[in-house]
Amino acid sequence: MMTQNIEFPGRILRESLPVTLAAGLILLLRMLYSDGGAIHPEAYSFLRVYTEGRPFWATLYNPAFNDWIMYQPRELSYFVDSLDARFIAWCIHSGVVHFYPLSNLLLGCGTVFLQQYGARSCFPHLDGRLITAVSLIYALFPVTSVTYYRSAKPLTAFFLTASCFLILTLYRRLYDGGRWRMSLFLLSISLFLLMMADRQGAFFTAVFAAFCGLVLACSSRSAYIRHPEVLARTALISWGIVLFGTGYNLFLSPYLVYRLNGYVPDFDYQYTESGAVFAFSGGLEFVFSNLGRFFCGFGGGAGMVVGIAVMLLLAAALASRVRWRNGGGGVLADQRLSALLVFLYAGAALTACANVMVVKCPPILVERDLLNGSYATPMTALMVVFLLQAMNLTRGKRLWRTLWMLLLSAALLCQLEQYCPWNGEVPRALKSTFDTAYGPEVRAMKHLLADPSAEFRRFPLMFRNELLLRQMRGLPAFEDESRVYYYLRLYRGKRI
């Protein structure tokens, strides 16, 4: 994981901003050809709850509505979701009907900027064309959605990317003898926000804390850990963040939910049988199919084959410059083995995480479903960092450079074919996502929101859609009495 001590912040910024702008244009183009975007069936209630005018903190700490009674303390994402909902509601009241989540656009561009700035800072000798191609593929890859649902996974991807490059920066400054305290401080903030964004973020924070413990335990046998005291400080900070997150999950957040809304959240959704961690069939399918989809544009069996091949290629690249020495009690002589070990450790962690996610939410395996792309967003962001690291380690070999250029060019063409409009027509991937899945209901909602005089009783809308429509028109929830807080009244003081 060696990097070079060469920094030109001004030049790096000038090179990163145009690529970020190009990624933003790609995302805006996707919005243009999605005809106002879509809204996930589960998100109608989110849009209503976040815009009905309840007190801010009571709205935030309300998992009965924000997470369909499935308690997950990710209030940071609820806050971002509420901003998305307010933006959509403001546009609807202004006469512009759409369901575009503003956070997905900003977080997608922010993640691309972190990739560009982080890679060009940590890997200054890596070909900038390769770095640009990786970020453009990420922008074309359907991890950034034009469907209003949740911001938790894009938020996790953003802070996970920030944490990864801050770790690389901290390592470089320690190796080169630079100033490391600011990097450690920023890493601490990033890990804390990563934990608060989503359960995946809390998992990755715990994985990093456990990794610090493992490295600290092996530091006496590692010839290339030059600053064990800084490693110990990093481990203590990460352990403290994990302990705070555990206490927040078990005590503080439930207490705030009860104080603000009068009920105790149920922990049943967080309970997972130990065997779920070893449910490899679904987890490996999820990991390999989405990794393959990043490079070839489609999942399924072919995507899994491509994903497995790319995973093996990354492992070979990270191990290509490792050298062993026979003497010295078997101590590794080349510090670049650390990149391969971290990759294998992260791969095992990703698989365990995917195993549990598939058991808790089987729809994430459905190809082209919003959940499939959304749940894979953090994993994709992490794999991008390892891809950049692998390309940096093999930059001096012509064969590897040619291989990376061919691979990224093919991936870019595949993503362009899948998600960019040709001949003025809506791409078939967008048709599949927005028309086939839940397009008729979304189109009906757009029509009714755009025309306040339209009679919504003629449309077979679900209960939550009717509540949202009446609220957007300034009408009471129902003529007899408001049922907006029906569940809160029914379960007042109970565990839900």
Protein backbone atom coordinates (compact mmCIF):
# COMPACT_ATOMS: atom_id res chain seq x y z
CA MET A 1 0.00 0.00 0.00
CA MET A 2 2.94 2.29 -0.54
CA THR A 3 2.16 5.71 -1.92
CA GLN A 4 4.32 8.60 -3.02
CA ASN A 5 4.86 11.81 -1.14
CA ILE A 6 3.88 14.08 -4.04
CA GLU A 7 1.03 16.53 -3.54
CA PHE A 8 -0.22 19.41 -5.64
CA PRO A 9 -3.63 20.25 -4.12
CA GLY A 10 -4.42 22.95 -6.66
CA ARG A 11 -3.66 20.74 -9.63
CA ILE A 12 -5.52 17.80 -8.10
CA LEU A 13 -8.57 19.97 -7.52
CA ARG A 14 -8.51 21.26 -11.08
CA GLU A 15 -8.33 17.70 -12.40
CA SER A 16 -11.05 16.38 -10.07
CA LEU A 17 -13.72 19.01 -10.63
CA PRO A 18 -14.24 18.45 -14.40
CA VAL A 19 -14.72 14.71 -13.85
CA THR A 20 -17.16 15.43 -11.03
CA LEU A 21 -19.04 17.81 -13.31
CA ALA A 22 -19.18 15.16 -16.04
CA ALA A 23 -20.59 12.66 -13.52
CA GLY A 24 -23.20 15.23 -12.49
CA LEU A 25 -24.22 15.70 -16.13
CA ILE A 26 -24.56 11.94 -16.50
CA LEU A 27 -26.87 11.81 -13.50
CA LEU A 28 -28.87 14.79 -14.76
CA LEU A 29 -29.21 13.11 -18.16
CA ARG A 30 -30.57 10.02 -16.45
CA MET A 31 -33.12 12.23 -14.69
CA LEU A 32 -34.09 13.87 -17.99
CA TYR A 33 -34.91 10.52 -19.57
CA SER A 34 -36.82 9.11 -16.60
CA ASP A 35 -39.81 11.45 -17.07
CA GLY A 36 -39.90 12.93 -13.59
CA GLY A 37 -38.42 9.93 -11.82
CA ALA A 38 -40.32 7.39 -9.78
CA ILE A 39 -41.17 6.65 -6.19
CA HIS A 40 -40.80 3.28 -4.55
CA PRO A 41 -44.10 1.83 -3.26
CA GLU A 42 -42.77 1.92 0.30
CA ALA A 43 -41.77 5.58 0.04
CA TYR A 44 -45.22 7.14 -0.32
CA SER A 45 -45.57 7.09 3.45
CA PHE A 46 -42.05 8.54 3.87
CA LEU A 47 -42.90 11.48 1.63
CA ARG A 48 -46.08 12.10 3.60
CA VAL A 49 -44.62 11.73 7.09
CA TYR A 50 -41.63 13.99 6.42
CA THR A 51 -43.79 16.81 5.06
CA GLU A 52 -46.83 16.79 7.36
CA GLY A 53 -45.44 19.40 9.74
CA ARG A 54 -44.71 17.43 12.89
CA PRO A 55 -41.89 18.63 15.22
CA PHE A 56 -38.46 17.96 13.75
CA TRP A 57 -37.09 15.59 16.41
CA ALA A 58 -40.38 13.69 16.74
CA THR A 59 -40.35 13.11 12.98
CA LEU A 60 -36.73 11.98 13.04
CA TYR A 61 -37.09 9.48 15.90
CA ASN A 62 -40.14 7.70 14.56
CA PRO A 63 -39.14 4.27 13.16
CA ALA A 64 -42.77 3.13 13.14
CA PHE A 65 -43.25 5.36 10.07
CA ASN A 66 -39.69 6.02 8.87
CA ASP A 67 -38.76 2.31 8.70
CA TRP A 68 -42.07 0.45 8.66
CA ILE A 69 -41.72 -0.59 12.33
CA MET A 70 -38.33 -2.22 11.55
CA TYR A 71 -36.18 -0.39 14.09
CA GLN A 72 -32.77 0.62 12.74
CA PRO A 73 -31.14 3.64 14.37
CA ARG A 74 -30.06 5.50 11.24
CA GLU A 75 -31.39 8.94 12.02
CA LEU A 76 -28.74 10.65 9.90
CA SER A 77 -30.29 9.09 6.80
CA TYR A 78 -33.78 9.98 8.05
CA PHE A 79 -32.65 13.59 8.22
CA VAL A 80 -31.42 13.49 4.61
CA ASP A 81 -34.63 11.69 3.57
CA SER A 82 -36.66 14.50 5.12
CA LEU A 83 -34.69 17.07 3.11
CA ASP A 84 -35.42 15.10 -0.08
CA ALA A 85 -39.11 14.94 0.81
CA ARG A 86 -39.29 18.67 1.51
CA PHE A 87 -37.57 19.42 -1.79
CA ILE A 88 -40.02 17.22 -3.71
CA ALA A 89 -43.02 18.70 -1.88
CA TRP A 90 -41.81 22.25 -2.54
CA CYS A 91 -41.43 21.50 -6.25
CA ILE A 92 -44.90 19.91 -6.39
CA HIS A 93 -46.47 22.93 -4.70
CA SER A 94 -44.58 25.13 -7.20
CA GLY A 95 -46.13 23.24 -10.11
CA VAL A 96 -43.19 20.97 -10.99
CA VAL A 97 -44.17 17.37 -10.29
CA HIS A 98 -41.29 14.92 -9.93
CA PHE A 99 -39.84 12.37 -7.51
CA TYR A 100 -36.14 13.12 -7.93
CA PRO A 101 -34.14 12.63 -4.69
CA LEU A 102 -31.77 15.58 -4.56
CA SER A 103 -29.50 13.77 -2.10
CA ASN A 104 -28.73 10.99 -4.58
CA LEU A 105 -27.47 13.53 -7.09
CA LEU A 106 -25.35 15.38 -4.53
CA LEU A 107 -24.03 12.23 -2.84
CA GLY A 108 -23.27 10.61 -6.19
CA CYS A 109 -21.27 13.64 -7.31
CA GLY A 110 -19.65 13.87 -3.87
CA THR A 111 -18.54 10.25 -4.01
CA VAL A 112 -17.07 10.77 -7.48
CA PHE A 113 -15.21 13.83 -6.24
CA LEU A 114 -13.78 11.84 -3.31
CA GLN A 115 -12.68 9.12 -5.73
CA GLN A 116 -10.99 11.63 -7.98
CA TYR A 117 -9.34 13.76 -5.31
CA GLY A 118 -8.41 10.79 -3.12
CA ALA A 119 -6.97 8.70 -5.94
CA ARG A 120 -4.99 11.56 -7.46
CA SER A 121 -3.62 12.46 -4.01
CA CYS A 122 -2.76 8.95 -2.83
CA PHE A 123 -1.69 7.56 -6.23
CA PRO A 124 -0.06 10.54 -8.00
CA HIS A 125 1.73 8.38 -10.59
CA LEU A 126 -1.38 6.47 -11.65
CA ASP A 127 -2.64 7.33 -15.13
CA GLY A 128 -5.36 9.96 -14.73
CA ARG A 129 -7.32 8.46 -17.62
CA LEU A 130 -7.83 5.26 -15.65
CA ILE A 131 -9.01 7.20 -12.58
CA THR A 132 -11.44 9.17 -14.74
CA ALA A 133 -12.81 6.03 -16.40
CA VAL A 134 -13.48 4.37 -13.03
CA SER A 135 -15.51 7.33 -11.77
CA LEU A 136 -17.49 7.65 -15.00
CA ILE A 137 -18.41 3.97 -14.82
CA TYR A 138 -19.48 4.51 -11.22
CA ALA A 139 -21.71 7.41 -12.31
CA LEU A 140 -23.26 5.31 -15.09
CA PHE A 141 -23.69 2.29 -12.84
CA PRO A 142 -27.24 2.24 -11.39
CA VAL A 143 -26.09 2.82 -7.82
CA THR A 144 -27.35 6.39 -8.02
CA SER A 145 -31.08 6.25 -8.52
CA VAL A 146 -33.67 8.71 -9.82
CA THR A 147 -36.27 7.01 -7.64
CA TYR A 148 -37.26 8.50 -4.31
CA TYR A 149 -36.70 5.84 -1.68
CA ARG A 150 -33.92 6.17 0.88
CA SER A 151 -30.61 7.98 1.16
CA ALA A 152 -29.06 5.48 3.59
CA LYS A 153 -27.02 3.49 1.06
CA PRO A 154 -25.68 6.44 -1.00
CA LEU A 155 -24.85 8.17 2.28
CA THR A 156 -22.99 5.06 3.45
CA ALA A 157 -21.09 4.88 0.14
CA PHE A 158 -20.03 8.53 0.50
CA PHE A 159 -18.64 8.18 4.03
CA LEU A 160 -17.14 4.76 3.28
CA THR A 161 -15.23 6.25 0.34
CA ALA A 162 -14.09 9.14 2.53
CA SER A 163 -12.96 6.74 5.26
CA CYS A 164 -11.00 4.57 2.83
CA PHE A 165 -9.03 7.45 1.35
CA LEU A 166 -8.46 8.96 4.80
CA ILE A 167 -7.00 5.63 5.90
CA LEU A 168 -4.69 5.65 2.87
CA THR A 169 -3.75 9.27 3.57
CA LEU A 170 -3.01 8.48 7.22
CA TYR A 171 -0.86 5.53 6.19
CA ARG A 172 1.06 7.65 3.68
CA ARG A 173 1.71 10.43 6.17
CA LEU A 174 2.97 7.94 8.75
CA TYR A 175 5.18 6.23 6.19
CA ASP A 176 6.62 9.50 4.89
CA GLY A 177 6.83 11.20 8.28
CA GLY A 178 4.20 13.81 7.49
CA ARG A 179 1.58 15.43 9.71
CA TRP A 180 -0.99 12.79 10.55
CA ARG A 181 -3.16 14.22 13.35
CA MET A 182 -5.59 16.04 11.04
CA SER A 183 -6.01 12.89 8.95
CA LEU A 184 -6.80 10.88 12.06
CA PHE A 185 -9.27 13.53 13.24
CA LEU A 186 -11.10 13.55 9.90
CA LEU A 187 -11.09 9.76 9.83
CA SER A 188 -12.74 9.70 13.26
CA ILE A 189 -15.51 12.03 12.08
CA SER A 190 -16.02 10.03 8.91
CA LEU A 191 -16.27 6.73 10.80
CA PHE A 192 -18.78 8.22 13.25
CA LEU A 193 -21.00 9.55 10.45
CA LEU A 194 -20.61 6.23 8.61
CA MET A 195 -21.94 4.43 11.67
CA MET A 196 -24.91 6.82 11.98
CA ALA A 197 -25.88 6.61 8.30
CA ASP A 198 -27.07 3.00 8.10
CA ARG A 199 -26.71 -0.49 9.51
CA GLN A 200 -24.26 -1.27 6.72
CA GLY A 201 -22.24 1.73 7.81
CA ALA A 202 -22.24 0.47 11.42
CA PHE A 203 -21.09 -2.91 10.13
CA PHE A 204 -18.19 -1.43 8.16
CA THR A 205 -17.16 0.68 11.16
CA ALA A 206 -17.10 -2.45 13.32
CA VAL A 207 -15.13 -4.29 10.62
CA PHE A 208 -12.51 -1.52 10.63
CA ALA A 209 -12.34 -1.54 14.44
CA ALA A 210 -11.83 -5.31 14.43
CA PHE A 211 -9.16 -4.96 11.75
CA CYS A 212 -7.30 -2.40 13.87
CA GLY A 213 -7.35 -4.88 16.73
CA LEU A 214 -5.99 -7.67 14.54
CA VAL A 215 -3.19 -5.50 13.15
CA LEU A 216 -2.34 -4.22 16.63
CA ALA A 217 -2.11 -7.78 17.92
CA CYS A 218 0.24 -8.70 15.07
CA SER A 219 2.28 -5.49 15.14
CA SER A 220 5.20 -7.13 16.92
CA ARG A 221 5.63 -9.55 13.99
CA SER A 222 5.15 -6.97 11.23
CA ALA A 223 8.30 -5.31 10.01
CA TYR A 224 6.51 -2.48 8.22
CA ILE A 225 4.32 -1.10 11.06
CA ARG A 226 6.56 1.80 12.01
CA HIS A 227 4.18 3.68 14.33
CA PRO A 228 2.32 1.22 16.57
CA GLU A 229 1.38 4.05 18.94
CA VAL A 230 -0.64 5.77 16.19
CA LEU A 231 -2.21 2.45 15.29
CA ALA A 232 -3.18 1.98 18.94
CA ARG A 233 -4.72 5.45 19.00
CA THR A 234 -6.67 4.71 15.83
CA ALA A 235 -7.87 1.42 17.29
CA LEU A 236 -9.02 3.09 20.52
CA ILE A 237 -10.95 5.73 18.57
CA SER A 238 -12.65 3.16 16.35
CA TRP A 239 -13.51 0.97 19.35
CA GLY A 240 -14.97 4.00 21.12
CA ILE A 241 -17.12 4.80 18.08
CA VAL A 242 -18.39 1.22 17.94
CA LEU A 243 -19.16 1.19 21.67
CA PHE A 244 -21.04 4.48 21.37
CA GLY A 245 -22.98 3.09 18.40
CA THR A 246 -23.93 0.01 20.40
CA GLY A 247 -25.13 2.11 23.32
CA TYR A 248 -26.98 4.42 20.98
CA ASN A 249 -28.71 1.48 19.34
CA LEU A 250 -29.70 -0.26 22.58
CA PHE A 251 -30.46 2.63 24.92
CA LEU A 252 -30.26 6.23 23.70
CA SER A 253 -32.25 5.99 20.47
CA PRO A 254 -35.07 3.86 22.00
CA TYR A 255 -35.27 6.33 24.88
CA LEU A 256 -35.62 9.27 22.48
CA VAL A 257 -38.25 7.39 20.47
CA TYR A 258 -40.28 6.80 23.62
CA ARG A 259 -39.91 10.35 24.90
CA LEU A 260 -40.85 11.94 21.57
CA ASN A 261 -43.47 9.51 20.25
CA GLY A 262 -44.64 7.45 23.21
CA TYR A 263 -43.70 3.95 22.12
CA VAL A 264 -40.74 1.60 22.49
CA PRO A 265 -39.23 0.33 19.22
CA ASP A 266 -39.15 -3.40 18.64
CA PHE A 267 -35.73 -5.02 18.12
CA ASP A 268 -37.06 -8.08 16.28
CA TYR A 269 -35.71 -6.91 12.91
CA GLN A 270 -32.20 -6.68 14.35
CA TYR A 271 -32.22 -10.25 15.61
CA THR A 272 -30.45 -12.53 13.17
CA GLU A 273 -29.74 -16.21 13.53
CA SER A 274 -26.06 -17.03 13.56
CA GLY A 275 -26.47 -19.30 10.56
CA ALA A 276 -27.41 -16.32 8.38
CA VAL A 277 -23.76 -15.26 8.31
CA PHE A 278 -22.93 -18.50 6.51
CA ALA A 279 -25.77 -18.38 3.95
CA PHE A 280 -23.21 -18.15 1.17
CA SER A 281 -25.45 -19.02 -1.78
CA GLY A 282 -27.41 -15.77 -1.72
CA GLY A 283 -24.60 -13.60 -0.39
CA LEU A 284 -22.03 -14.66 -2.96
CA GLU A 285 -24.59 -14.29 -5.72
CA PHE A 286 -25.27 -10.73 -4.58
CA VAL A 287 -21.58 -9.78 -4.36
CA PHE A 288 -20.43 -11.32 -7.63
CA SER A 289 -23.47 -10.36 -9.70
CA ASN A 290 -23.25 -6.69 -8.71
CA LEU A 291 -19.48 -6.61 -9.19
CA GLY A 292 -19.99 -8.16 -12.62
CA ARG A 293 -22.76 -5.68 -13.39
CA PHE A 294 -20.32 -2.85 -12.72
CA PHE A 295 -18.07 -4.11 -15.53
CA CYS A 296 -20.48 -5.65 -18.05
CA GLY A 297 -23.77 -3.84 -17.44
CA PHE A 298 -25.93 -6.83 -16.54
CA GLY A 299 -26.20 -9.38 -13.76
CA GLY A 300 -27.50 -12.92 -13.71
CA GLY A 301 -25.26 -15.88 -14.48
CA ALA A 302 -23.08 -13.97 -16.94
CA GLY A 303 -22.65 -11.14 -14.45
CA MET A 304 -21.58 -13.59 -11.75
CA VAL A 305 -18.95 -15.08 -14.06
CA VAL A 306 -17.58 -11.62 -14.82
CA GLY A 307 -17.68 -10.71 -11.11
CA ILE A 308 -15.71 -13.80 -10.12
CA ALA A 309 -13.15 -13.15 -12.87
CA VAL A 310 -12.72 -9.51 -11.80
CA MET A 311 -12.36 -10.50 -8.14
CA LEU A 312 -9.59 -12.96 -9.06
CA LEU A 313 -7.97 -10.32 -11.26
CA LEU A 314 -7.93 -7.82 -8.39
CA ALA A 315 -6.39 -10.39 -6.05
CA ALA A 316 -3.72 -11.24 -8.65
CA ALA A 317 -2.92 -7.57 -9.19
CA LEU A 318 -2.63 -6.83 -5.47
CA ALA A 319 -0.36 -9.86 -5.04
CA SER A 320 1.70 -9.28 -8.19
CA ARG A 321 4.51 -7.36 -6.46
CA VAL A 322 4.64 -9.28 -3.19
CA ARG A 323 8.00 -10.85 -2.39
CA TRP A 324 8.74 -13.38 0.33
CA ARG A 325 11.95 -14.05 2.17
CA ASN A 326 12.89 -17.37 3.67
CA GLY A 327 14.84 -16.14 6.67
CA GLY A 328 13.87 -14.10 9.67
CA GLY A 329 11.30 -16.47 11.09
CA GLY A 330 9.01 -16.16 8.07
CA VAL A 331 8.42 -12.42 8.42
CA LEU A 332 7.10 -10.88 5.21
CA ALA A 333 9.67 -8.76 3.48
CA ASP A 334 7.39 -6.67 1.25
CA GLN A 335 4.90 -4.30 2.84
CA ARG A 336 2.68 -4.42 -0.24
CA LEU A 337 1.33 -7.73 1.02
CA SER A 338 -0.83 -5.56 3.29
CA ALA A 339 -2.96 -4.55 0.29
CA LEU A 340 -3.75 -8.19 -0.52
CA LEU A 341 -4.48 -9.04 3.12
CA VAL A 342 -6.82 -6.07 3.49
CA PHE A 343 -8.56 -7.05 0.25
CA LEU A 344 -9.13 -10.62 1.43
CA TYR A 345 -10.33 -9.38 4.82
CA ALA A 346 -12.73 -6.89 3.19
CA GLY A 347 -13.98 -9.57 0.80
CA ALA A 348 -14.80 -11.90 3.67
CA ALA A 349 -16.56 -9.06 5.51
CA LEU A 350 -18.57 -8.11 2.42
CA THR A 351 -19.66 -11.71 1.95
CA ALA A 352 -20.81 -12.01 5.57
CA CYS A 353 -22.70 -8.71 5.27
CA ALA A 354 -24.34 -9.80 2.00
CA ASN A 355 -25.30 -13.16 3.52
CA VAL A 356 -27.20 -11.46 6.33
CA MET A 357 -28.81 -8.89 3.99
CA VAL A 358 -30.13 -11.61 1.67
CA VAL A 359 -31.63 -13.50 4.63
CA LYS A 360 -33.26 -10.35 6.04
CA CYS A 361 -34.36 -8.91 2.66
CA PRO A 362 -34.53 -11.52 -0.16
CA PRO A 363 -35.80 -8.99 -2.77
CA ILE A 364 -32.28 -7.55 -3.06
CA LEU A 365 -31.46 -10.50 -5.32
CA VAL A 366 -34.10 -9.48 -7.87
CA GLU A 367 -32.34 -8.23 -10.99
CA ARG A 368 -33.12 -4.62 -12.00
CA ASP A 369 -35.04 -3.98 -8.80
CA LEU A 370 -34.26 -0.75 -6.97
CA LEU A 371 -33.29 -2.66 -3.83
CA ASN A 372 -30.69 -4.67 -5.76
CA GLY A 373 -28.81 -1.57 -6.89
CA SER A 374 -29.37 0.38 -3.68
CA TYR A 375 -28.04 -2.26 -1.31
CA ALA A 376 -24.95 -2.73 -3.50
CA THR A 377 -23.95 0.95 -3.44
CA PRO A 378 -21.52 0.79 -0.46
CA MET A 379 -20.00 -2.46 -1.70
CA THR A 380 -19.41 -0.91 -5.13
CA ALA A 381 -17.78 2.17 -3.61
CA LEU A 382 -15.42 -0.04 -1.59
CA MET A 383 -14.49 -2.16 -4.61
CA VAL A 384 -13.66 1.03 -6.55
CA VAL A 385 -11.01 1.87 -3.94
CA PHE A 386 -9.45 -1.59 -4.25
CA LEU A 387 -9.57 -1.31 -8.05
CA LEU A 388 -7.65 1.96 -7.91
CA GLN A 389 -5.15 0.44 -5.48
CA ALA A 390 -4.63 -2.56 -7.77
CA MET A 391 -4.06 -0.34 -10.79
CA ASN A 392 -1.59 1.75 -8.82
CA LEU A 393 0.46 -1.27 -7.73
CA THR A 394 0.70 -2.57 -11.32
CA ARG A 395 1.16 0.77 -13.07
CA GLY A 396 4.78 -0.01 -13.96
CA LYS A 397 3.96 -3.13 -16.01
CA ARG A 398 2.85 -2.61 -19.61
CA LEU A 399 0.76 -5.79 -19.72
CA TRP A 400 -1.24 -4.75 -16.67
CA ARG A 401 -1.71 -1.20 -17.96
CA THR A 402 -3.07 -2.54 -21.24
CA LEU A 403 -5.34 -4.96 -19.41
CA TRP A 404 -6.78 -2.23 -17.19
CA MET A 405 -7.35 0.08 -20.14
CA LEU A 406 -9.20 -2.64 -22.08
CA LEU A 407 -11.26 -3.68 -19.06
CA LEU A 408 -12.34 -0.14 -18.19
CA SER A 409 -13.04 0.77 -21.82
CA ALA A 410 -15.27 -2.28 -22.23
CA ALA A 411 -17.04 -1.53 -18.93
CA LEU A 412 -17.61 2.09 -19.94
CA LEU A 413 -19.09 1.07 -23.28
CA CYS A 414 -21.35 -1.50 -21.61
CA GLN A 415 -22.67 1.06 -19.14
CA LEU A 416 -23.19 3.63 -21.89
CA GLU A 417 -25.15 1.08 -23.91
CA GLN A 418 -27.34 0.24 -20.93
CA TYR A 419 -28.07 3.64 -19.42
CA CYS A 420 -27.62 6.38 -22.02
CA PRO A 421 -30.30 7.33 -24.57
CA TRP A 422 -29.73 6.46 -28.20
CA ASN A 423 -31.75 8.01 -31.03
CA GLY A 424 -33.78 10.01 -28.54
CA GLU A 425 -35.41 6.90 -27.03
CA VAL A 426 -35.62 6.04 -23.37
CA PRO A 427 -32.98 3.37 -22.58
CA ARG A 428 -34.42 -0.09 -22.10
CA ALA A 429 -32.90 -0.30 -18.62
CA LEU A 430 -34.88 2.77 -17.60
CA LYS A 431 -38.02 1.36 -19.22
CA SER A 432 -37.58 -1.85 -17.26
CA THR A 433 -37.07 0.00 -14.00
CA PHE A 434 -39.66 2.75 -14.19
CA ASP A 435 -42.42 1.38 -16.44
CA THR A 436 -42.65 -2.32 -15.75
CA ALA A 437 -42.08 -2.33 -11.99
CA TYR A 438 -44.44 0.31 -10.63
CA GLY A 439 -44.84 2.75 -13.49
CA PRO A 440 -48.66 2.82 -13.81
CA GLU A 441 -49.18 3.85 -10.21
CA VAL A 442 -46.41 6.45 -10.41
CA ARG A 443 -47.87 7.94 -13.60
CA ALA A 444 -51.30 8.13 -11.96
CA MET A 445 -49.83 9.94 -8.95
CA LYS A 446 -47.98 12.42 -11.18
CA HIS A 447 -51.19 13.16 -13.09
CA LEU A 448 -53.20 13.70 -9.92
CA LEU A 449 -50.52 15.88 -8.33
CA ALA A 450 -50.15 17.98 -11.46
CA ASP A 451 -53.93 18.54 -11.80
CA PRO A 452 -55.53 19.49 -8.46
CA SER A 453 -58.99 19.32 -10.05
CA ALA A 454 -58.60 15.65 -11.03
CA GLU A 455 -60.77 13.27 -9.05
CA PHE A 456 -58.45 10.82 -7.35
CA ARG A 457 -61.27 8.47 -6.35
CA ARG A 458 -61.39 7.22 -9.95
CA PHE A 459 -57.90 5.75 -9.56
CA PRO A 460 -57.34 2.54 -7.57
CA LEU A 461 -54.73 4.09 -5.28
CA MET A 462 -53.53 2.41 -2.15
CA PHE A 463 -54.33 3.83 1.28
CA ARG A 464 -50.94 5.48 1.75
CA ASN A 465 -51.13 7.10 -1.70
CA GLU A 466 -54.52 8.63 -0.95
CA LEU A 467 -53.22 10.07 2.30
CA LEU A 468 -50.25 11.61 0.49
CA LEU A 469 -52.43 13.03 -2.26
CA ARG A 470 -54.87 14.66 0.15
CA GLN A 471 -51.99 16.11 2.15
CA MET A 472 -50.31 17.59 -0.94
CA ARG A 473 -53.63 19.21 -1.87
CA GLY A 474 -53.98 20.73 1.59
CA LEU A 475 -56.94 18.51 2.55
CA PRO A 476 -57.40 16.63 5.84
CA ALA A 477 -56.37 13.01 5.80
CA PHE A 478 -60.03 11.86 5.84
CA GLU A 479 -63.36 13.54 6.28
CA ASP A 480 -64.19 11.82 9.57
CA GLU A 481 -60.88 12.19 11.42
CA SER A 482 -57.17 12.12 10.72
CA ARG A 483 -55.70 8.61 10.56
CA VAL A 484 -52.16 9.81 10.05
CA TYR A 485 -51.20 8.79 13.60
CA TYR A 486 -53.40 5.71 13.70
CA TYR A 487 -50.57 3.37 14.63
CA LEU A 488 -49.26 5.74 17.26
CA ARG A 489 -52.67 5.93 18.95
CA LEU A 490 -53.22 2.20 18.69
CA TYR A 491 -49.85 1.21 20.11
CA ARG A 492 -49.32 4.12 22.49
CA GLY A 493 -46.97 2.98 25.24
CA LYS A 494 -46.43 -0.44 23.63
CA ARG A 495 -43.46 -1.95 21.86
CA ILE A 496 -43.76 -1.57 18.09
